[in-house]
Amino acid sequence: MYRTKTCGELNINNAGEKVELAGWIQKKRNLGGMEFIDLRDEFGITQIIINDEKLQEQAKEFTTESCIHVEGKVVERSNKNKNKNIKTGEIEVIAEKIMELPPPESGWNLCYQIVRITVAIVLCLLLNRWLEYGKKVCMNKKKIRGDET
């Protein structure tokens, strides 16, 4: 099965359930003996914990925006680790099985391309923001001229 739940629909009521999730890696963190992955789909973000050494070796190959499938058990986070800023902040999924889904036929990850294009556009705008100021000044002058006639 592709997935039994979406990343955004899991909550404390699902604690103890076995679930299958699929999505893109938003962020990866390695804290010594544990690997954390923030898995994102169109409905939200869920934190995945990888304790197993074999799975950690497998997860080292994953990069941000890799598309993965995870099977695991939903558990409640400890009180100090609960995140009230997101819907799924009270739970996390302990991974039991993890696999990378194949990339699109073009060989490029579309989400990665979108992020790269967005960053390039923002950098271009920041480097040339003086042009934006000039446009606003010209627009205001044209508007004033139009009002005078």
Protein backbone atom coordinates (compact mmCIF):
# COMPACT_ATOMS: atom_id res chain seq x y z
CA MET A 1 0.00 0.00 0.00
CA TYR A 2 1.19 3.53 -0.78
CA ARG A 3 0.10 5.09 2.54
CA THR A 4 -2.47 4.52 5.25
CA LYS A 5 -2.44 8.09 6.62
CA THR A 6 -1.21 11.48 5.47
CA CYS A 7 1.50 13.40 7.30
CA GLY A 8 -0.94 16.09 8.40
CA GLU A 9 -3.70 13.88 9.77
CA LEU A 10 -1.76 12.05 12.49
CA ASN A 11 -2.40 13.14 16.08
CA ILE A 12 -2.27 11.85 19.66
CA ASN A 13 -5.31 9.63 19.02
CA ASN A 14 -3.21 7.59 16.56
CA ALA A 15 -0.58 6.67 19.20
CA GLY A 16 0.17 2.95 19.05
CA GLU A 17 -0.99 2.53 15.43
CA LYS A 18 1.17 1.16 12.65
CA VAL A 19 1.13 3.55 9.70
CA GLU A 20 2.57 3.91 6.22
CA LEU A 21 3.53 7.41 5.10
CA ALA A 22 4.95 8.80 1.89
CA GLY A 23 6.33 12.23 1.15
CA TRP A 24 9.37 14.43 0.69
CA ILE A 25 12.16 14.98 3.18
CA GLN A 26 11.85 18.52 4.51
CA LYS A 27 14.78 18.34 6.93
CA LYS A 28 17.26 15.74 8.27
CA ARG A 29 19.00 15.83 11.65
CA ASN A 30 21.45 13.39 13.19
CA LEU A 31 21.71 13.47 16.97
CA GLY A 32 24.28 10.81 17.77
CA GLY A 33 22.50 7.47 17.79
CA MET A 34 19.26 8.72 16.27
CA GLU A 35 18.34 10.16 12.90
CA PHE A 36 15.36 12.52 12.60
CA ILE A 37 13.52 13.22 9.36
CA ASP A 38 10.76 15.77 8.89
CA LEU A 39 8.55 14.13 6.29
CA ARG A 40 6.29 16.44 4.29
CA ASP A 41 3.33 15.79 2.03
CA GLU A 42 0.61 18.10 0.75
CA PHE A 43 -1.26 17.81 4.06
CA GLY A 44 1.44 18.52 6.65
CA ILE A 45 4.71 17.45 8.30
CA THR A 46 5.44 14.47 10.54
CA GLN A 47 8.68 13.74 12.39
CA ILE A 48 10.19 10.31 11.70
CA ILE A 49 12.72 8.78 14.11
CA ILE A 50 15.22 6.21 12.86
CA ASN A 51 16.77 4.19 15.71
CA ASP A 52 17.85 1.08 13.81
CA GLU A 53 21.49 1.18 12.61
CA LYS A 54 20.67 -0.58 9.34
CA LEU A 55 17.95 1.96 8.57
CA GLN A 56 20.29 4.82 9.54
CA GLU A 57 22.85 3.60 7.00
CA GLN A 58 20.12 3.49 4.39
CA ALA A 59 18.89 6.99 5.34
CA LYS A 60 22.38 8.49 4.90
CA GLU A 61 21.85 8.30 1.13
CA PHE A 62 18.69 10.42 1.32
CA THR A 63 18.87 14.15 0.70
CA THR A 64 16.36 16.91 1.30
CA GLU A 65 13.52 16.63 -1.20
CA SER A 66 14.08 12.88 -1.61
CA CYS A 67 10.75 11.12 -1.92
CA ILE A 68 10.45 8.27 0.60
CA HIS A 69 8.00 5.69 1.94
CA VAL A 70 8.04 4.91 5.67
CA GLU A 71 6.37 2.18 7.70
CA GLY A 72 6.39 2.62 11.44
CA LYS A 73 4.60 3.00 14.74
CA VAL A 74 3.10 6.26 16.00
CA VAL A 75 4.26 7.18 19.50
CA GLU A 76 3.59 10.14 21.78
CA ARG A 77 6.45 12.61 22.20
CA SER A 78 7.78 13.36 25.67
CA ASN A 79 6.36 16.54 27.21
CA LYS A 80 9.56 18.55 26.69
CA ASN A 81 9.70 17.57 22.99
CA LYS A 82 6.10 18.38 22.08
CA ASN A 83 5.79 21.06 19.42
CA LYS A 84 2.61 23.13 19.74
CA ASN A 85 3.40 25.01 16.50
CA ILE A 86 2.38 22.13 14.22
CA LYS A 87 -0.66 19.85 14.12
CA THR A 88 1.43 16.68 14.47
CA GLY A 89 3.64 18.11 17.22
CA GLU A 90 2.45 15.71 19.90
CA ILE A 91 3.50 12.54 18.05
CA GLU A 92 6.34 11.05 16.05
CA VAL A 93 6.74 7.88 14.00
CA ILE A 94 9.39 5.29 14.87
CA ALA A 95 10.52 3.91 11.49
CA GLU A 96 10.52 0.14 11.04
CA LYS A 97 10.95 0.12 7.27
CA ILE A 98 12.05 2.90 4.96
CA MET A 99 12.65 3.12 1.21
CA GLU A 100 13.34 5.79 -1.35
CA LEU A 101 10.73 6.09 -4.05
CA PRO A 102 12.04 6.27 -7.62
CA PRO A 103 12.62 9.73 -9.09
CA PRO A 104 10.51 10.97 -12.00
CA GLU A 105 11.44 9.72 -15.46
CA SER A 106 13.18 12.99 -16.26
CA GLY A 107 15.73 12.17 -13.56
CA TRP A 108 15.16 15.48 -11.74
CA ASN A 109 13.23 15.99 -8.58
CA LEU A 110 10.60 18.61 -9.42
CA CYS A 111 10.40 20.00 -5.89
CA TYR A 112 14.16 20.48 -5.81
CA GLN A 113 13.98 22.37 -9.09
CA ILE A 114 11.22 24.63 -7.77
CA VAL A 115 13.24 25.44 -4.64
CA ARG A 116 16.33 26.21 -6.73
CA ILE A 117 14.36 28.45 -9.11
CA THR A 118 12.71 30.28 -6.19
CA VAL A 119 16.07 30.89 -4.52
CA ALA A 120 17.52 32.15 -7.81
CA ILE A 121 14.62 34.57 -8.32
CA VAL A 122 14.89 35.91 -4.76
CA LEU A 123 18.65 36.38 -5.10
CA CYS A 124 18.17 38.17 -8.41
CA LEU A 125 15.57 40.48 -6.86
CA LEU A 126 17.78 41.21 -3.86
CA LEU A 127 20.82 41.97 -5.99
CA ASN A 128 18.82 44.26 -8.25
CA ARG A 129 16.42 45.83 -5.77
CA TRP A 130 17.53 49.30 -6.84
CA LEU A 131 15.69 48.61 -10.09
CA GLU A 132 12.49 48.01 -8.13
CA TYR A 133 12.86 51.35 -6.36
CA GLY A 134 13.32 53.05 -9.71
CA LYS A 135 10.16 51.45 -11.07
CA LYS A 136 8.09 52.65 -8.11
CA VAL A 137 9.40 56.22 -8.43
CA CYS A 138 8.65 56.25 -12.17
CA MET A 139 5.20 54.82 -11.59
CA ASN A 140 4.42 57.52 -9.02
CA LYS A 141 5.64 60.26 -11.40
CA LYS A 142 3.47 58.89 -14.20
CA LYS A 143 0.48 58.75 -11.89
CA ILE A 144 1.01 62.37 -10.79
CA ARG A 145 1.38 63.50 -14.41
CA GLY A 146 -1.81 61.66 -15.31
CA ASP A 147 -3.69 63.36 -12.47
CA GLU A 148 -2.50 66.82 -13.60
CA THR A 149 -3.85 66.52 -17.15
